[in-house]
Amino acid sequence: MKDQPERGTETNGNENAGFWIRLGASLLDSLIVALPISLLFMLFTGRDFGDDFISNLLMFLYSLLVPVFWYGYTVGKRICGIRIVKVSDGQPPGVGTMLLRTLVTGLVYAITFGVGAIASAIRVGVREDKRSIHDFIAGTGVIKE
């Protein structure tokens, strides 16, 4: 018989994804999506990827829209078997939820000069529910499938 997870470690019956698997998914997104886009952008424009509004917009749209249209997955999350869900009902996030998760949280992290991002990573590592600051802002969690 499978041991029951500790209270607060589940989101609608699924185990919450911890720090390392979430980090792995982010690294895979960087290697599989961001790096090729960056190289193509530099090849066609001759400019560094991070120096242009269009390249930053492409990566923002990726992180905003792919989870909406792909039921909470990004490429890296899909490979790792984790996905973003709304805590309230376990459903995939909508555009409004992802705007909170990406745009509002990005502003919070910028205002705190990155300290919020570090605190967020620590929260995922030590909290029972494995929710980061951006999960709390958006009402989301990341679960294992």
C-alpha atoms as a PDB file:
ATOM      1  CA  MET A   1       0.000   0.000   0.000  1.00  0.00           C
ATOM      2  CA  LYS A   2       1.355   3.418  -0.947  1.00  0.00           C
ATOM      3  CA  ASP A   3       2.250   5.684   1.972  1.00  0.00           C
ATOM      4  CA  GLN A   4       0.026   8.730   2.233  1.00  0.00           C
ATOM      5  CA  PRO A   5       1.864  12.014   1.620  1.00  0.00           C
ATOM      6  CA  GLU A   6       2.109  14.465   4.487  1.00  0.00           C
ATOM      7  CA  ARG A   7      -0.695  16.962   4.830  1.00  0.00           C
ATOM      8  CA  GLY A   8      -0.167  19.908   2.490  1.00  0.00           C
ATOM      9  CA  THR A   9       2.012  18.032   0.012  1.00  0.00           C
ATOM     10  CA  GLU A  10      -0.760  17.373  -2.493  1.00  0.00           C
ATOM     11  CA  THR A  11      -2.622  19.544  -4.953  1.00  0.00           C
ATOM     12  CA  ASN A  12      -5.909  17.870  -5.853  1.00  0.00           C
ATOM     13  CA  GLY A  13      -4.577  14.354  -5.394  1.00  0.00           C
ATOM     14  CA  ASN A  14      -1.223  14.832  -7.115  1.00  0.00           C
ATOM     15  CA  GLU A  15       2.135  15.207  -5.412  1.00  0.00           C
ATOM     16  CA  ASN A  16       3.640  18.678  -5.627  1.00  0.00           C
ATOM     17  CA  ALA A  17       6.879  19.033  -7.577  1.00  0.00           C
ATOM     18  CA  GLY A  18       9.933  20.001  -5.546  1.00  0.00           C
ATOM     19  CA  PHE A  19      12.893  22.249  -6.159  1.00  0.00           C
ATOM     20  CA  TRP A  20      15.186  19.951  -8.172  1.00  0.00           C
ATOM     21  CA  ILE A  21      12.635  18.732 -10.692  1.00  0.00           C
ATOM     22  CA  ARG A  22      11.392  22.284 -11.229  1.00  0.00           C
ATOM     23  CA  LEU A  23      14.981  23.478 -11.699  1.00  0.00           C
ATOM     24  CA  GLY A  24      15.567  20.650 -14.181  1.00  0.00           C
ATOM     25  CA  ALA A  25      12.481  21.634 -16.163  1.00  0.00           C
ATOM     26  CA  SER A  26      13.670  25.258 -16.269  1.00  0.00           C
ATOM     27  CA  LEU A  27      17.102  24.190 -17.477  1.00  0.00           C
ATOM     28  CA  LEU A  28      15.529  22.048 -20.188  1.00  0.00           C
ATOM     29  CA  ASP A  29      13.367  24.981 -21.292  1.00  0.00           C
ATOM     30  CA  SER A  30      16.513  27.085 -21.490  1.00  0.00           C
ATOM     31  CA  LEU A  31      18.407  24.503 -23.549  1.00  0.00           C
ATOM     32  CA  ILE A  32      15.584  23.391 -25.832  1.00  0.00           C
ATOM     33  CA  VAL A  33      13.704  26.673 -26.341  1.00  0.00           C
ATOM     34  CA  ALA A  34      15.681  29.731 -25.238  1.00  0.00           C
ATOM     35  CA  LEU A  35      19.080  28.721 -26.629  1.00  0.00           C
ATOM     36  CA  PRO A  36      17.871  27.952 -30.183  1.00  0.00           C
ATOM     37  CA  ILE A  37      15.754  31.123 -30.256  1.00  0.00           C
ATOM     38  CA  SER A  38      18.744  33.084 -28.997  1.00  0.00           C
ATOM     39  CA  LEU A  39      21.078  31.646 -31.612  1.00  0.00           C
ATOM     40  CA  LEU A  40      18.619  32.228 -34.447  1.00  0.00           C
ATOM     41  CA  PHE A  41      17.967  35.761 -33.272  1.00  0.00           C
ATOM     42  CA  MET A  42      21.696  36.545 -33.147  1.00  0.00           C
ATOM     43  CA  LEU A  43      22.216  34.932 -36.553  1.00  0.00           C
ATOM     44  CA  PHE A  44      19.492  36.996 -38.255  1.00  0.00           C
ATOM     45  CA  THR A  45      19.980  40.315 -36.480  1.00  0.00           C
ATOM     46  CA  GLY A  46      23.630  40.286 -35.408  1.00  0.00           C
ATOM     47  CA  ARG A  47      22.580  41.495 -31.959  1.00  0.00           C
ATOM     48  CA  ASP A  48      22.800  39.794 -28.596  1.00  0.00           C
ATOM     49  CA  PHE A  49      19.611  37.999 -27.557  1.00  0.00           C
ATOM     50  CA  GLY A  50      19.063  39.797 -24.260  1.00  0.00           C
ATOM     51  CA  ASP A  51      19.597  43.244 -25.754  1.00  0.00           C
ATOM     52  CA  ASP A  52      16.433  43.464 -27.816  1.00  0.00           C
ATOM     53  CA  PHE A  53      12.811  44.020 -26.916  1.00  0.00           C
ATOM     54  CA  ILE A  54      11.645  41.465 -29.491  1.00  0.00           C
ATOM     55  CA  SER A  55      13.742  38.628 -28.074  1.00  0.00           C
ATOM     56  CA  ASN A  56      12.586  39.381 -24.547  1.00  0.00           C
ATOM     57  CA  LEU A  57       8.995  39.523 -25.775  1.00  0.00           C
ATOM     58  CA  LEU A  58       9.349  36.098 -27.441  1.00  0.00           C
ATOM     59  CA  MET A  59      10.519  34.484 -24.211  1.00  0.00           C
ATOM     60  CA  PHE A  60       7.802  36.244 -22.209  1.00  0.00           C
ATOM     61  CA  LEU A  61       5.137  35.014 -24.641  1.00  0.00           C
ATOM     62  CA  TYR A  62       6.567  31.479 -24.444  1.00  0.00           C
ATOM     63  CA  SER A  63       6.339  31.414 -20.652  1.00  0.00           C
ATOM     64  CA  LEU A  64       2.913  33.069 -20.717  1.00  0.00           C
ATOM     65  CA  LEU A  65       1.101  31.238 -23.517  1.00  0.00           C
ATOM     66  CA  VAL A  66       2.570  27.749 -23.806  1.00  0.00           C
ATOM     67  CA  PRO A  67       1.218  26.644 -20.397  1.00  0.00           C
ATOM     68  CA  VAL A  68      -2.201  28.070 -21.306  1.00  0.00           C
ATOM     69  CA  PHE A  69      -2.474  26.217 -24.612  1.00  0.00           C
ATOM     70  CA  TRP A  70      -0.625  23.083 -23.474  1.00  0.00           C
ATOM     71  CA  TYR A  71      -2.593  22.385 -20.271  1.00  0.00           C
ATOM     72  CA  GLY A  72       0.021  23.688 -17.820  1.00  0.00           C
ATOM     73  CA  TYR A  73       3.086  22.280 -19.527  1.00  0.00           C
ATOM     74  CA  THR A  74       6.144  23.903 -21.025  1.00  0.00           C
ATOM     75  CA  VAL A  75       8.569  21.785 -23.024  1.00  0.00           C
ATOM     76  CA  GLY A  76      10.809  21.267 -19.981  1.00  0.00           C
ATOM     77  CA  LYS A  77       7.909  20.544 -17.644  1.00  0.00           C
ATOM     78  CA  ARG A  78       6.472  18.001 -20.089  1.00  0.00           C
ATOM     79  CA  ILE A  79       9.791  16.159 -20.285  1.00  0.00           C
ATOM     80  CA  CYS A  80      10.068  16.141 -16.473  1.00  0.00           C
ATOM     81  CA  GLY A  81       6.454  15.042 -16.005  1.00  0.00           C
ATOM     82  CA  ILE A  82       5.308  18.117 -14.089  1.00  0.00           C
ATOM     83  CA  ARG A  83       2.788  20.824 -14.884  1.00  0.00           C
ATOM     84  CA  ILE A  84       1.247  24.027 -13.574  1.00  0.00           C
ATOM     85  CA  VAL A  85      -2.273  23.817 -12.142  1.00  0.00           C
ATOM     86  CA  LYS A  86      -4.626  26.165 -10.332  1.00  0.00           C
ATOM     87  CA  VAL A  87      -4.715  25.209  -6.659  1.00  0.00           C
ATOM     88  CA  SER A  88      -8.435  25.961  -6.359  1.00  0.00           C
ATOM     89  CA  ASP A  89      -9.593  23.285  -8.801  1.00  0.00           C
ATOM     90  CA  GLY A  90      -6.570  21.493 -10.262  1.00  0.00           C
ATOM     91  CA  GLN A  91      -7.307  22.839 -13.734  1.00  0.00           C
ATOM     92  CA  PRO A  92      -4.665  24.197 -16.123  1.00  0.00           C
ATOM     93  CA  PRO A  93      -3.951  27.919 -15.840  1.00  0.00           C
ATOM     94  CA  GLY A  94      -5.686  30.504 -17.992  1.00  0.00           C
ATOM     95  CA  VAL A  95      -4.208  33.666 -19.470  1.00  0.00           C
ATOM     96  CA  GLY A  96      -5.059  35.753 -16.400  1.00  0.00           C
ATOM     97  CA  THR A  97      -3.444  33.232 -14.077  1.00  0.00           C
ATOM     98  CA  MET A  98      -0.308  33.096 -16.212  1.00  0.00           C
ATOM     99  CA  LEU A  99      -0.164  36.903 -16.392  1.00  0.00           C
ATOM    100  CA  LEU A 100      -0.086  36.971 -12.605  1.00  0.00           C
ATOM    101  CA  ARG A 101       2.481  34.190 -12.548  1.00  0.00           C
ATOM    102  CA  THR A 102       4.847  35.790 -15.067  1.00  0.00           C
ATOM    103  CA  LEU A 103       4.301  39.538 -15.279  1.00  0.00           C
ATOM    104  CA  VAL A 104       3.325  40.467 -11.718  1.00  0.00           C
ATOM    105  CA  THR A 105       5.889  38.128 -10.220  1.00  0.00           C
ATOM    106  CA  GLY A 106       8.567  39.478 -12.551  1.00  0.00           C
ATOM    107  CA  LEU A 107       7.809  42.939 -11.238  1.00  0.00           C
ATOM    108  CA  VAL A 108       8.021  41.705  -7.627  1.00  0.00           C
ATOM    109  CA  TYR A 109      11.368  40.048  -8.319  1.00  0.00           C
ATOM    110  CA  ALA A 110      12.665  43.192 -10.048  1.00  0.00           C
ATOM    111  CA  ILE A 111      11.532  45.493  -7.240  1.00  0.00           C
ATOM    112  CA  THR A 112      13.307  43.289  -4.697  1.00  0.00           C
ATOM    113  CA  PHE A 113      16.468  43.184  -6.886  1.00  0.00           C
ATOM    114  CA  GLY A 114      16.291  39.403  -7.173  1.00  0.00           C
ATOM    115  CA  VAL A 115      15.936  38.710  -3.452  1.00  0.00           C
ATOM    116  CA  GLY A 116      12.336  37.633  -4.086  1.00  0.00           C
ATOM    117  CA  ALA A 117      13.501  35.071  -6.626  1.00  0.00           C
ATOM    118  CA  ILE A 118      15.975  33.608  -4.140  1.00  0.00           C
ATOM    119  CA  ALA A 119      13.296  33.531  -1.434  1.00  0.00           C
ATOM    120  CA  SER A 120      10.970  31.848  -3.913  1.00  0.00           C
ATOM    121  CA  ALA A 121      13.478  29.075  -4.633  1.00  0.00           C
ATOM    122  CA  ILE A 122      14.016  28.540  -0.906  1.00  0.00           C
ATOM    123  CA  ARG A 123      10.243  28.293  -0.383  1.00  0.00           C
ATOM    124  CA  VAL A 124       9.974  25.530  -2.975  1.00  0.00           C
ATOM    125  CA  GLY A 125      12.803  23.665  -1.265  1.00  0.00           C
ATOM    126  CA  VAL A 126      11.571  23.873   2.315  1.00  0.00           C
ATOM    127  CA  ARG A 127       7.773  24.262   2.315  1.00  0.00           C
ATOM    128  CA  GLU A 128       5.595  21.174   2.515  1.00  0.00           C
ATOM    129  CA  ASP A 129       3.347  22.416  -0.289  1.00  0.00           C
ATOM    130  CA  LYS A 130       6.360  23.305  -2.510  1.00  0.00           C
ATOM    131  CA  ARG A 131       4.734  26.585  -3.641  1.00  0.00           C
ATOM    132  CA  SER A 132       6.904  29.531  -4.603  1.00  0.00           C
ATOM    133  CA  ILE A 133       6.100  33.232  -4.429  1.00  0.00           C
ATOM    134  CA  HIS A 134       4.812  33.204  -8.005  1.00  0.00           C
ATOM    135  CA  ASP A 135       2.578  30.232  -7.137  1.00  0.00           C
ATOM    136  CA  PHE A 136       1.037  32.183  -4.253  1.00  0.00           C
ATOM    137  CA  ILE A 137       0.547  35.310  -6.343  1.00  0.00           C
ATOM    138  CA  ALA A 138      -1.183  33.364  -9.125  1.00  0.00           C
ATOM    139  CA  GLY A 139      -2.941  30.723  -7.014  1.00  0.00           C
ATOM    140  CA  THR A 140      -1.055  27.929  -8.744  1.00  0.00           C
ATOM    141  CA  GLY A 141       1.071  24.930  -7.895  1.00  0.00           C
ATOM    142  CA  VAL A 142       3.336  22.613  -9.859  1.00  0.00           C
ATOM    143  CA  ILE A 143       2.420  18.945  -9.633  1.00  0.00           C
ATOM    144  CA  LYS A 144       3.977  15.655 -10.662  1.00  0.00           C
ATOM    145  CA  GLU A 145       1.929  13.698 -13.163  1.00  0.00           C
END
